[in-house]
């Protein structure tokens, strides 16, 4: 309809093109998502000669599509262009600039440069803290992301410190069950596992699992993911049977979610095989791995 109304380039057409791209991305069709978002970007560039928030925003979105397609280098290139544009537009702290700094950090991390990733994500965190005096979801999110960067750099203790700050902030913001709280509970458990405290790791992951089950009544990817992580904690505690039990639940849930072949089903099948191996049942382990291989 927009294209029918506006015969030439128009902000409304560009905006809808971007939104169509985002919808395809959400459906897992990043190829189609990129196609529409690039059309939107091209139209905005036709409309605005210099730096403009809409051009910068779509550059970031195009970067996201490239990331989803596995081209992190191209994703970073687009995001750095967006960052340059935002810095030209906003001379001080700004939410769009802080968000993009974190996204650039994420692109560097995908390229294996965790140190550069930390540098940009930490800048984003500093800017959000400058913008929001009290607890804020964006501050909580970047605290967790900075924690992840330290974790990737091998400093699990520093990573845990930031993740605990994020958890405290999210608990201050959300008095009941919330996906952000569940996610950080799981990440805190991951940090404790990395530090060799499997019991503490299990404690936080079980809290995350309980919260996810409270949030999502049926099968859900987050529940399946945390079940698999809980299994990892049980493995570290030497309880391979309990680990297998959790992984079989995760497998059943993934099969319920994805009717045909799917990377998540293949991944959990491989993890179930690992549990069978730990229990000395190599034949069952092989059976699961062959199923995973067929799916890949």
C-alpha atoms as a PDB file:
ATOM      1  CA  UNK A   1       0.000   0.000   0.000  1.00  0.00           C
ATOM      2  CA  UNK A   2       2.812   2.443   0.887  1.00  0.00           C
ATOM      3  CA  UNK A   3       4.477   1.813  -2.483  1.00  0.00           C
ATOM      4  CA  UNK A   4       1.113   2.366  -4.168  1.00  0.00           C
ATOM      5  CA  UNK A   5       0.600   5.680  -2.327  1.00  0.00           C
ATOM      6  CA  UNK A   6       4.175   6.982  -2.722  1.00  0.00           C
ATOM      7  CA  UNK A   7       5.543   6.521  -6.231  1.00  0.00           C
ATOM      8  CA  UNK A   8       9.033   7.745  -5.242  1.00  0.00           C
ATOM      9  CA  UNK A   9      11.274   7.323  -2.179  1.00  0.00           C
ATOM     10  CA  UNK A  10       9.446   8.171   1.042  1.00  0.00           C
ATOM     11  CA  UNK A  11      10.265   7.716   4.771  1.00  0.00           C
ATOM     12  CA  UNK A  12       7.106   5.644   5.312  1.00  0.00           C
ATOM     13  CA  UNK A  13       8.067   3.181   2.570  1.00  0.00           C
ATOM     14  CA  UNK A  14      11.624   2.913   3.931  1.00  0.00           C
ATOM     15  CA  UNK A  15      10.299   2.324   7.444  1.00  0.00           C
ATOM     16  CA  UNK A  16       7.942  -0.450   6.306  1.00  0.00           C
ATOM     17  CA  UNK A  17      10.705  -2.082   4.246  1.00  0.00           C
ATOM     18  CA  UNK A  18      12.838  -2.188   7.396  1.00  0.00           C
ATOM     19  CA  UNK A  19       9.967  -3.596   9.459  1.00  0.00           C
ATOM     20  CA  UNK A  20       9.322  -6.322   6.875  1.00  0.00           C
ATOM     21  CA  UNK A  21      13.018  -7.188   7.084  1.00  0.00           C
ATOM     22  CA  UNK A  22      12.820  -7.389  10.871  1.00  0.00           C
ATOM     23  CA  UNK A  23       9.803  -9.707  10.604  1.00  0.00           C
ATOM     24  CA  UNK A  24      11.702 -12.056   8.297  1.00  0.00           C
ATOM     25  CA  UNK A  25      14.654 -11.960  10.722  1.00  0.00           C
ATOM     26  CA  UNK A  26      12.328 -12.877  13.593  1.00  0.00           C
ATOM     27  CA  UNK A  27      11.060 -15.840  11.544  1.00  0.00           C
ATOM     28  CA  UNK A  28      14.633 -17.024  11.033  1.00  0.00           C
ATOM     29  CA  UNK A  29      14.835 -16.006   7.367  1.00  0.00           C
ATOM     30  CA  UNK A  30      17.825 -13.664   7.620  1.00  0.00           C
ATOM     31  CA  UNK A  31      18.442 -13.803   3.846  1.00  0.00           C
ATOM     32  CA  UNK A  32      15.027 -12.297   3.168  1.00  0.00           C
ATOM     33  CA  UNK A  33      15.394  -9.976   6.162  1.00  0.00           C
ATOM     34  CA  UNK A  34      18.620  -8.570   4.747  1.00  0.00           C
ATOM     35  CA  UNK A  35      17.042  -8.074   1.317  1.00  0.00           C
ATOM     36  CA  UNK A  36      14.272  -5.830   2.666  1.00  0.00           C
ATOM     37  CA  UNK A  37      16.396  -3.974   5.215  1.00  0.00           C
ATOM     38  CA  UNK A  38      18.964  -3.116   2.510  1.00  0.00           C
ATOM     39  CA  UNK A  39      16.134  -1.718   0.351  1.00  0.00           C
ATOM     40  CA  UNK A  40      15.023   0.416   3.294  1.00  0.00           C
ATOM     41  CA  UNK A  41      18.579   1.625   3.867  1.00  0.00           C
ATOM     42  CA  UNK A  42      19.018   2.508   0.202  1.00  0.00           C
ATOM     43  CA  UNK A  43      15.802   4.534   0.261  1.00  0.00           C
ATOM     44  CA  UNK A  44      16.785   6.431   3.416  1.00  0.00           C
ATOM     45  CA  UNK A  45      20.167   7.248   1.864  1.00  0.00           C
ATOM     46  CA  UNK A  46      18.331   8.548  -1.183  1.00  0.00           C
ATOM     47  CA  UNK A  47      16.204  10.764   1.080  1.00  0.00           C
ATOM     48  CA  UNK A  48      18.894  12.081   3.459  1.00  0.00           C
ATOM     49  CA  UNK A  49      22.193  13.356   2.118  1.00  0.00           C
ATOM     50  CA  UNK A  50      24.234  13.527   5.343  1.00  0.00           C
ATOM     51  CA  UNK A  51      24.103  11.822   8.733  1.00  0.00           C
ATOM     52  CA  UNK A  52      20.590  10.906   9.857  1.00  0.00           C
ATOM     53  CA  UNK A  53      19.250   8.757  12.748  1.00  0.00           C
ATOM     54  CA  UNK A  54      17.168   6.592  10.389  1.00  0.00           C
ATOM     55  CA  UNK A  55      20.151   5.816   8.152  1.00  0.00           C
ATOM     56  CA  UNK A  56      22.266   4.931  11.204  1.00  0.00           C
ATOM     57  CA  UNK A  57      19.501   2.732  12.633  1.00  0.00           C
ATOM     58  CA  UNK A  58      19.147   0.773   9.405  1.00  0.00           C
ATOM     59  CA  UNK A  59      22.906   0.392   9.065  1.00  0.00           C
ATOM     60  CA  UNK A  60      22.807  -1.283  12.485  1.00  0.00           C
ATOM     61  CA  UNK A  61      19.892  -3.484  11.412  1.00  0.00           C
ATOM     62  CA  UNK A  62      21.690  -4.512   8.224  1.00  0.00           C
ATOM     63  CA  UNK A  63      24.673  -5.350  10.421  1.00  0.00           C
ATOM     64  CA  UNK A  64      22.412  -7.578  12.521  1.00  0.00           C
ATOM     65  CA  UNK A  65      21.211  -9.410   9.385  1.00  0.00           C
ATOM     66  CA  UNK A  66      24.784 -10.018   8.253  1.00  0.00           C
ATOM     67  CA  UNK A  67      25.623 -11.325  11.739  1.00  0.00           C
ATOM     68  CA  UNK A  68      22.669 -13.721  11.551  1.00  0.00           C
ATOM     69  CA  UNK A  69      23.921 -14.954   8.177  1.00  0.00           C
ATOM     70  CA  UNK A  70      27.335 -15.669   9.675  1.00  0.00           C
ATOM     71  CA  UNK A  71      29.106 -12.722   8.018  1.00  0.00           C
ATOM     72  CA  UNK A  72      30.304 -10.986  11.190  1.00  0.00           C
ATOM     73  CA  UNK A  73      32.916  -8.973   9.265  1.00  0.00           C
ATOM     74  CA  UNK A  74      30.272  -7.377   7.053  1.00  0.00           C
ATOM     75  CA  UNK A  75      28.075  -6.885  10.121  1.00  0.00           C
ATOM     76  CA  UNK A  76      30.877  -5.036  11.903  1.00  0.00           C
ATOM     77  CA  UNK A  77      31.523  -2.880   8.830  1.00  0.00           C
ATOM     78  CA  UNK A  78      27.877  -1.705   8.770  1.00  0.00           C
ATOM     79  CA  UNK A  79      27.811  -1.090  12.517  1.00  0.00           C
ATOM     80  CA  UNK A  80      31.012   0.963  12.441  1.00  0.00           C
ATOM     81  CA  UNK A  81      29.424   3.156   9.752  1.00  0.00           C
ATOM     82  CA  UNK A  82      26.361   3.539  11.985  1.00  0.00           C
ATOM     83  CA  UNK A  83      28.581   4.369  14.965  1.00  0.00           C
ATOM     84  CA  UNK A  84      30.417   7.070  13.020  1.00  0.00           C
ATOM     85  CA  UNK A  85      27.076   8.565  12.011  1.00  0.00           C
ATOM     86  CA  UNK A  86      25.647   8.538  15.553  1.00  0.00           C
ATOM     87  CA  UNK A  87      28.816  10.173  16.893  1.00  0.00           C
ATOM     88  CA  UNK A  88      28.365  12.876  14.277  1.00  0.00           C
ATOM     89  CA  UNK A  89      24.719  13.348  15.299  1.00  0.00           C
ATOM     90  CA  UNK A  90      25.022  13.166  19.109  1.00  0.00           C
ATOM     91  CA  UNK A  91      27.895  15.037  20.706  1.00  0.00           C
ATOM     92  CA  UNK A  92      27.242  13.687  24.216  1.00  0.00           C
ATOM     93  CA  UNK A  93      25.697  10.543  25.704  1.00  0.00           C
ATOM     94  CA  UNK A  94      22.654   9.151  23.895  1.00  0.00           C
ATOM     95  CA  UNK A  95      20.713   5.854  24.222  1.00  0.00           C
ATOM     96  CA  UNK A  96      21.115   5.047  20.495  1.00  0.00           C
ATOM     97  CA  UNK A  97      24.865   5.563  20.714  1.00  0.00           C
ATOM     98  CA  UNK A  98      25.156   3.435  23.871  1.00  0.00           C
ATOM     99  CA  UNK A  99      23.135   0.625  22.283  1.00  0.00           C
ATOM    100  CA  UNK A 100      25.258   0.687  19.151  1.00  0.00           C
ATOM    101  CA  UNK A 101      28.513   0.652  21.123  1.00  0.00           C
ATOM    102  CA  UNK A 102      27.307  -2.609  22.682  1.00  0.00           C
ATOM    103  CA  UNK A 103      26.339  -3.999  19.258  1.00  0.00           C
ATOM    104  CA  UNK A 104      29.777  -3.142  17.846  1.00  0.00           C
ATOM    105  CA  UNK A 105      31.256  -4.944  20.842  1.00  0.00           C
ATOM    106  CA  UNK A 106      29.097  -7.948  19.990  1.00  0.00           C
ATOM    107  CA  UNK A 107      30.352  -7.927  16.395  1.00  0.00           C
ATOM    108  CA  UNK A 108      33.979  -7.883  17.540  1.00  0.00           C
ATOM    109  CA  UNK A 109      33.214 -10.774  19.888  1.00  0.00           C
ATOM    110  CA  UNK A 110      31.738 -12.795  17.001  1.00  0.00           C
ATOM    111  CA  UNK A 111      34.979 -12.199  15.106  1.00  0.00           C
ATOM    112  CA  UNK A 112      36.919 -13.646  18.042  1.00  0.00           C
ATOM    113  CA  UNK A 113      38.270 -10.314  19.315  1.00  0.00           C
ATOM    114  CA  UNK A 114      36.917 -10.471  22.880  1.00  0.00           C
ATOM    115  CA  UNK A 115      39.236  -7.686  24.065  1.00  0.00           C
ATOM    116  CA  UNK A 116      37.898  -5.245  21.474  1.00  0.00           C
ATOM    117  CA  UNK A 117      34.393  -6.465  22.280  1.00  0.00           C
ATOM    118  CA  UNK A 118      34.918  -5.596  25.940  1.00  0.00           C
ATOM    119  CA  UNK A 119      36.274  -2.160  25.032  1.00  0.00           C
ATOM    120  CA  UNK A 120      33.131  -1.141  23.129  1.00  0.00           C
ATOM    121  CA  UNK A 121      30.614  -2.829  25.437  1.00  0.00           C
ATOM    122  CA  UNK A 122      32.242  -1.154  28.459  1.00  0.00           C
ATOM    123  CA  UNK A 123      31.894   2.227  26.688  1.00  0.00           C
ATOM    124  CA  UNK A 124      28.211   1.470  26.140  1.00  0.00           C
ATOM    125  CA  UNK A 125      27.786   0.604  29.820  1.00  0.00           C
ATOM    126  CA  UNK A 126      29.523   3.803  30.915  1.00  0.00           C
ATOM    127  CA  UNK A 127      27.228   5.840  28.658  1.00  0.00           C
ATOM    128  CA  UNK A 128      24.061   4.154  29.940  1.00  0.00           C
ATOM    129  CA  UNK A 129      25.183   4.817  33.517  1.00  0.00           C
ATOM    130  CA  UNK A 130      25.652   8.455  32.562  1.00  0.00           C
ATOM    131  CA  UNK A 131      22.128   8.552  31.097  1.00  0.00           C
ATOM    132  CA  UNK A 132      20.259   6.660  33.848  1.00  0.00           C
ATOM    133  CA  UNK A 133      21.003   7.488  37.464  1.00  0.00           C
ATOM    134  CA  UNK A 134      19.006   4.630  39.016  1.00  0.00           C
ATOM    135  CA  UNK A 135      18.398   0.989  38.045  1.00  0.00           C
ATOM    136  CA  UNK A 136      17.516   0.570  34.366  1.00  0.00           C
ATOM    137  CA  UNK A 137      17.056  -2.489  32.096  1.00  0.00           C
ATOM    138  CA  UNK A 138      19.689  -1.239  29.634  1.00  0.00           C
ATOM    139  CA  UNK A 139      22.264  -0.865  32.408  1.00  0.00           C
ATOM    140  CA  UNK A 140      21.414  -4.364  33.654  1.00  0.00           C
ATOM    141  CA  UNK A 141      21.746  -5.805  30.149  1.00  0.00           C
ATOM    142  CA  UNK A 142      25.159  -4.249  29.574  1.00  0.00           C
ATOM    143  CA  UNK A 143      26.408  -5.265  33.010  1.00  0.00           C
ATOM    144  CA  UNK A 144      25.628  -8.835  31.982  1.00  0.00           C
ATOM    145  CA  UNK A 145      27.274  -8.319  28.579  1.00  0.00           C
ATOM    146  CA  UNK A 146      30.444  -6.896  30.146  1.00  0.00           C
ATOM    147  CA  UNK A 147      30.435  -9.922  32.448  1.00  0.00           C
ATOM    148  CA  UNK A 148      30.258 -12.154  29.386  1.00  0.00           C
ATOM    149  CA  UNK A 149      33.225 -10.320  27.812  1.00  0.00           C
ATOM    150  CA  UNK A 150      35.353 -10.914  30.910  1.00  0.00           C
ATOM    151  CA  UNK A 151      34.212 -14.542  30.925  1.00  0.00           C
ATOM    152  CA  UNK A 152      35.359 -14.905  27.294  1.00  0.00           C
ATOM    153  CA  UNK A 153      38.710 -13.332  28.193  1.00  0.00           C
ATOM    154  CA  UNK A 154      39.201 -15.992  30.883  1.00  0.00           C
ATOM    155  CA  UNK A 155      38.510 -13.704  33.847  1.00  0.00           C
ATOM    156  CA  UNK A 156      35.517 -15.611  35.247  1.00  0.00           C
ATOM    157  CA  UNK A 157      35.802 -13.881  38.627  1.00  0.00           C
ATOM    158  CA  UNK A 158      35.450 -10.415  37.080  1.00  0.00           C
ATOM    159  CA  UNK A 159      32.671 -11.748  34.877  1.00  0.00           C
ATOM    160  CA  UNK A 160      30.806 -13.033  37.928  1.00  0.00           C
ATOM    161  CA  UNK A 161      31.186  -9.658  39.649  1.00  0.00           C
ATOM    162  CA  UNK A 162      29.394  -7.886  36.767  1.00  0.00           C
ATOM    163  CA  UNK A 163      26.745 -10.561  36.422  1.00  0.00           C
ATOM    164  CA  UNK A 164      25.890 -10.344  40.120  1.00  0.00           C
ATOM    165  CA  UNK A 165      25.494  -6.569  39.729  1.00  0.00           C
ATOM    166  CA  UNK A 166      23.172  -7.196  36.773  1.00  0.00           C
ATOM    167  CA  UNK A 167      21.164  -9.714  38.803  1.00  0.00           C
ATOM    168  CA  UNK A 168      20.804  -7.291  41.709  1.00  0.00           C
ATOM    169  CA  UNK A 169      19.613  -4.563  39.336  1.00  0.00           C
ATOM    170  CA  UNK A 170      17.100  -6.786  37.551  1.00  0.00           C
ATOM    171  CA  UNK A 171      15.709  -8.012  40.867  1.00  0.00           C
ATOM    172  CA  UNK A 172      15.290  -4.382  41.875  1.00  0.00           C
ATOM    173  CA  UNK A 173      13.434  -3.668  38.622  1.00  0.00           C
ATOM    174  CA  UNK A 174      11.264  -6.800  38.410  1.00  0.00           C
ATOM    175  CA  UNK A 175       9.647  -7.998  41.601  1.00  0.00           C
ATOM    176  CA  UNK A 176       8.324 -11.205  40.042  1.00  0.00           C
ATOM    177  CA  UNK A 177       9.477 -13.697  37.415  1.00  0.00           C
ATOM    178  CA  UNK A 178      10.991 -12.051  34.340  1.00  0.00           C
ATOM    179  CA  UNK A 179      12.963 -13.367  31.332  1.00  0.00           C
ATOM    180  CA  UNK A 180      15.884 -11.004  32.077  1.00  0.00           C
ATOM    181  CA  UNK A 181      16.159 -12.254  35.659  1.00  0.00           C
ATOM    182  CA  UNK A 182      16.020 -15.886  34.488  1.00  0.00           C
ATOM    183  CA  UNK A 183      18.691 -15.247  31.851  1.00  0.00           C
ATOM    184  CA  UNK A 184      21.097 -13.630  34.318  1.00  0.00           C
ATOM    185  CA  UNK A 185      20.460 -16.329  36.949  1.00  0.00           C
ATOM    186  CA  UNK A 186      21.584 -18.866  34.356  1.00  0.00           C
ATOM    187  CA  UNK A 187      24.634 -16.756  33.457  1.00  0.00           C
ATOM    188  CA  UNK A 188      25.623 -16.378  37.111  1.00  0.00           C
ATOM    189  CA  UNK A 189      25.411 -20.164  37.397  1.00  0.00           C
ATOM    190  CA  UNK A 190      27.660 -20.424  34.355  1.00  0.00           C
ATOM    191  CA  UNK A 191      30.235 -18.148  36.014  1.00  0.00           C
ATOM    192  CA  UNK A 192      30.231 -20.201  39.214  1.00  0.00           C
ATOM    193  CA  UNK A 193      30.713 -23.379  37.157  1.00  0.00           C
ATOM    194  CA  UNK A 194      33.659 -21.777  35.396  1.00  0.00           C
ATOM    195  CA  UNK A 195      35.165 -20.904  38.790  1.00  0.00           C
ATOM    196  CA  UNK A 196      34.876 -24.556  39.851  1.00  0.00           C
ATOM    197  CA  UNK A 197      31.920 -24.070  42.205  1.00  0.00           C
ATOM    198  CA  UNK A 198      29.519 -26.525  40.548  1.00  0.00           C
ATOM    199  CA  UNK A 199      27.204 -26.626  43.569  1.00  0.00           C
ATOM    200  CA  UNK A 200      26.682 -22.858  43.451  1.00  0.00           C
ATOM    201  CA  UNK A 201      26.346 -23.075  39.675  1.00  0.00           C
ATOM    202  CA  UNK A 202      23.573 -25.647  40.019  1.00  0.00           C
ATOM    203  CA  UNK A 203      21.812 -23.538  42.663  1.00  0.00           C
ATOM    204  CA  UNK A 204      21.495 -20.533  40.314  1.00  0.00           C
ATOM    205  CA  UNK A 205      20.621 -22.611  37.280  1.00  0.00           C
ATOM    206  CA  UNK A 206      17.805 -24.361  39.151  1.00  0.00           C
ATOM    207  CA  UNK A 207      16.439 -20.925  40.093  1.00  0.00           C
ATOM    208  CA  UNK A 208      16.613 -19.948  36.409  1.00  0.00           C
ATOM    209  CA  UNK A 209      14.833 -23.167  35.399  1.00  0.00           C
ATOM    210  CA  UNK A 210      12.066 -22.649  37.948  1.00  0.00           C
ATOM    211  CA  UNK A 211      11.561 -19.079  36.728  1.00  0.00           C
ATOM    212  CA  UNK A 212      11.508 -20.096  33.048  1.00  0.00           C
ATOM    213  CA  UNK A 213       8.924 -22.780  33.799  1.00  0.00           C
ATOM    214  CA  UNK A 214       6.862 -20.174  35.642  1.00  0.00           C
ATOM    215  CA  UNK A 215       7.078 -17.814  32.648  1.00  0.00           C
ATOM    216  CA  UNK A 216       6.479 -20.363  29.880  1.00  0.00           C
ATOM    217  CA  UNK A 217       3.807 -22.925  30.631  1.00  0.00           C
ATOM    218  CA  UNK A 218       4.517 -25.272  27.724  1.00  0.00           C
ATOM    219  CA  UNK A 219       7.579 -26.103  25.663  1.00  0.00           C
ATOM    220  CA  UNK A 220       9.907 -23.137  25.143  1.00  0.00           C
ATOM    221  CA  UNK A 221      13.479 -22.747  23.817  1.00  0.00           C
ATOM    222  CA  UNK A 222      14.606 -20.996  27.026  1.00  0.00           C
ATOM    223  CA  UNK A 223      13.353 -23.850  29.216  1.00  0.00           C
ATOM    224  CA  UNK A 224      15.103 -26.407  26.993  1.00  0.00           C
ATOM    225  CA  UNK A 225      18.331 -24.388  27.057  1.00  0.00           C
ATOM    226  CA  UNK A 226      18.361 -24.052  30.848  1.00  0.00           C
ATOM    227  CA  UNK A 227      17.526 -27.766  31.269  1.00  0.00           C
ATOM    228  CA  UNK A 228      20.632 -28.537  29.238  1.00  0.00           C
ATOM    229  CA  UNK A 229      22.698 -26.156  31.389  1.00  0.00           C
ATOM    230  CA  UNK A 230      21.365 -27.711  34.600  1.00  0.00           C
ATOM    231  CA  UNK A 231      22.509 -31.067  33.212  1.00  0.00           C
ATOM    232  CA  UNK A 232      25.989 -29.618  32.768  1.00  0.00           C
ATOM    233  CA  UNK A 233      26.034 -28.613  36.456  1.00  0.00           C
ATOM    234  CA  UNK A 234      24.955 -32.117  37.495  1.00  0.00           C
ATOM    235  CA  UNK A 235      27.751 -33.527  35.326  1.00  0.00           C
ATOM    236  CA  UNK A 236      30.268 -31.329  37.140  1.00  0.00           C
ATOM    237  CA  UNK A 237      28.955 -32.645  40.449  1.00  0.00           C
ATOM    238  CA  UNK A 238      29.449 -36.232  39.241  1.00  0.00           C
ATOM    239  CA  UNK A 239      25.735 -37.018  38.905  1.00  0.00           C
ATOM    240  CA  UNK A 240      25.654 -38.230  35.283  1.00  0.00           C
ATOM    241  CA  UNK A 241      22.260 -39.922  35.731  1.00  0.00           C
ATOM    242  CA  UNK A 242      20.612 -36.658  36.791  1.00  0.00           C
ATOM    243  CA  UNK A 243      22.402 -34.926  33.919  1.00  0.00           C
ATOM    244  CA  UNK A 244      20.939 -37.432  31.458  1.00  0.00           C
ATOM    245  CA  UNK A 245      17.457 -36.991  32.929  1.00  0.00           C
ATOM    246  CA  UNK A 246      17.575 -33.210  32.340  1.00  0.00           C
ATOM    247  CA  UNK A 247      18.958 -33.594  28.827  1.00  0.00           C
ATOM    248  CA  UNK A 248      16.251 -36.069  27.851  1.00  0.00           C
ATOM    249  CA  UNK A 249      13.665 -33.525  29.022  1.00  0.00           C
ATOM    250  CA  UNK A 250      15.413 -30.861  26.924  1.00  0.00           C
ATOM    251  CA  UNK A 251      15.441 -33.203  23.913  1.00  0.00           C
ATOM    252  CA  UNK A 252      11.735 -33.984  24.256  1.00  0.00           C
ATOM    253  CA  UNK A 253      10.993 -30.262  24.458  1.00  0.00           C
ATOM    254  CA  UNK A 254      13.129 -29.404  21.413  1.00  0.00           C
ATOM    255  CA  UNK A 255      11.437 -32.152  19.393  1.00  0.00           C
ATOM    256  CA  UNK A 256       8.077 -30.733  20.426  1.00  0.00           C
ATOM    257  CA  UNK A 257       9.162 -27.240  19.329  1.00  0.00           C
ATOM    258  CA  UNK A 258      10.847 -28.188  16.056  1.00  0.00           C
ATOM    259  CA  UNK A 259       9.010 -30.857  14.113  1.00  0.00           C
ATOM    260  CA  UNK A 260      11.731 -31.612  11.566  1.00  0.00           C
ATOM    261  CA  UNK A 261      15.501 -31.339  11.575  1.00  0.00           C
ATOM    262  CA  UNK A 262      16.788 -28.408  13.622  1.00  0.00           C
ATOM    263  CA  UNK A 263      20.221 -27.361  14.955  1.00  0.00           C
ATOM    264  CA  UNK A 264      18.925 -27.266  18.552  1.00  0.00           C
ATOM    265  CA  UNK A 265      17.628 -30.841  18.340  1.00  0.00           C
ATOM    266  CA  UNK A 266      20.949 -31.999  16.875  1.00  0.00           C
ATOM    267  CA  UNK A 267      22.889 -30.174  19.594  1.00  0.00           C
ATOM    268  CA  UNK A 268      20.840 -31.704  22.425  1.00  0.00           C
ATOM    269  CA  UNK A 269      21.090 -35.178  20.841  1.00  0.00           C
ATOM    270  CA  UNK A 270      24.857 -34.777  20.934  1.00  0.00           C
ATOM    271  CA  UNK A 271      24.666 -33.740  24.607  1.00  0.00           C
ATOM    272  CA  UNK A 272      22.447 -36.722  25.428  1.00  0.00           C
ATOM    273  CA  UNK A 273      25.095 -38.925  23.789  1.00  0.00           C
ATOM    274  CA  UNK A 274      27.688 -37.354  26.090  1.00  0.00           C
ATOM    275  CA  UNK A 275      25.530 -38.312  29.107  1.00  0.00           C
ATOM    276  CA  UNK A 276      25.203 -41.904  27.898  1.00  0.00           C
ATOM    277  CA  UNK A 277      28.978 -42.035  27.435  1.00  0.00           C
ATOM    278  CA  UNK A 278      29.446 -40.848  31.023  1.00  0.00           C
ATOM    279  CA  UNK A 279      27.167 -43.650  32.187  1.00  0.00           C
ATOM    280  CA  UNK A 280      29.178 -46.224  30.223  1.00  0.00           C
ATOM    281  CA  UNK A 281      26.522 -46.835  27.561  1.00  0.00           C
ATOM    282  CA  UNK A 282      28.627 -46.183  24.430  1.00  0.00           C
ATOM    283  CA  UNK A 283      26.104 -47.956  22.159  1.00  0.00           C
ATOM    284  CA  UNK A 284      23.309 -45.598  23.181  1.00  0.00           C
ATOM    285  CA  UNK A 285      25.698 -42.665  22.861  1.00  0.00           C
ATOM    286  CA  UNK A 286      26.587 -43.662  19.306  1.00  0.00           C
ATOM    287  CA  UNK A 287      22.914 -44.063  18.416  1.00  0.00           C
ATOM    288  CA  UNK A 288      22.177 -40.470  19.509  1.00  0.00           C
ATOM    289  CA  UNK A 289      25.232 -39.081  17.711  1.00  0.00           C
ATOM    290  CA  UNK A 290      24.242 -40.789  14.472  1.00  0.00           C
ATOM    291  CA  UNK A 291      20.795 -39.193  14.755  1.00  0.00           C
ATOM    292  CA  UNK A 292      22.452 -35.813  15.322  1.00  0.00           C
ATOM    293  CA  UNK A 293      24.752 -36.346  12.338  1.00  0.00           C
ATOM    294  CA  UNK A 294      21.829 -37.247  10.089  1.00  0.00           C
ATOM    295  CA  UNK A 295      20.114 -34.031  11.171  1.00  0.00           C
ATOM    296  CA  UNK A 296      23.171 -31.868  10.475  1.00  0.00           C
END
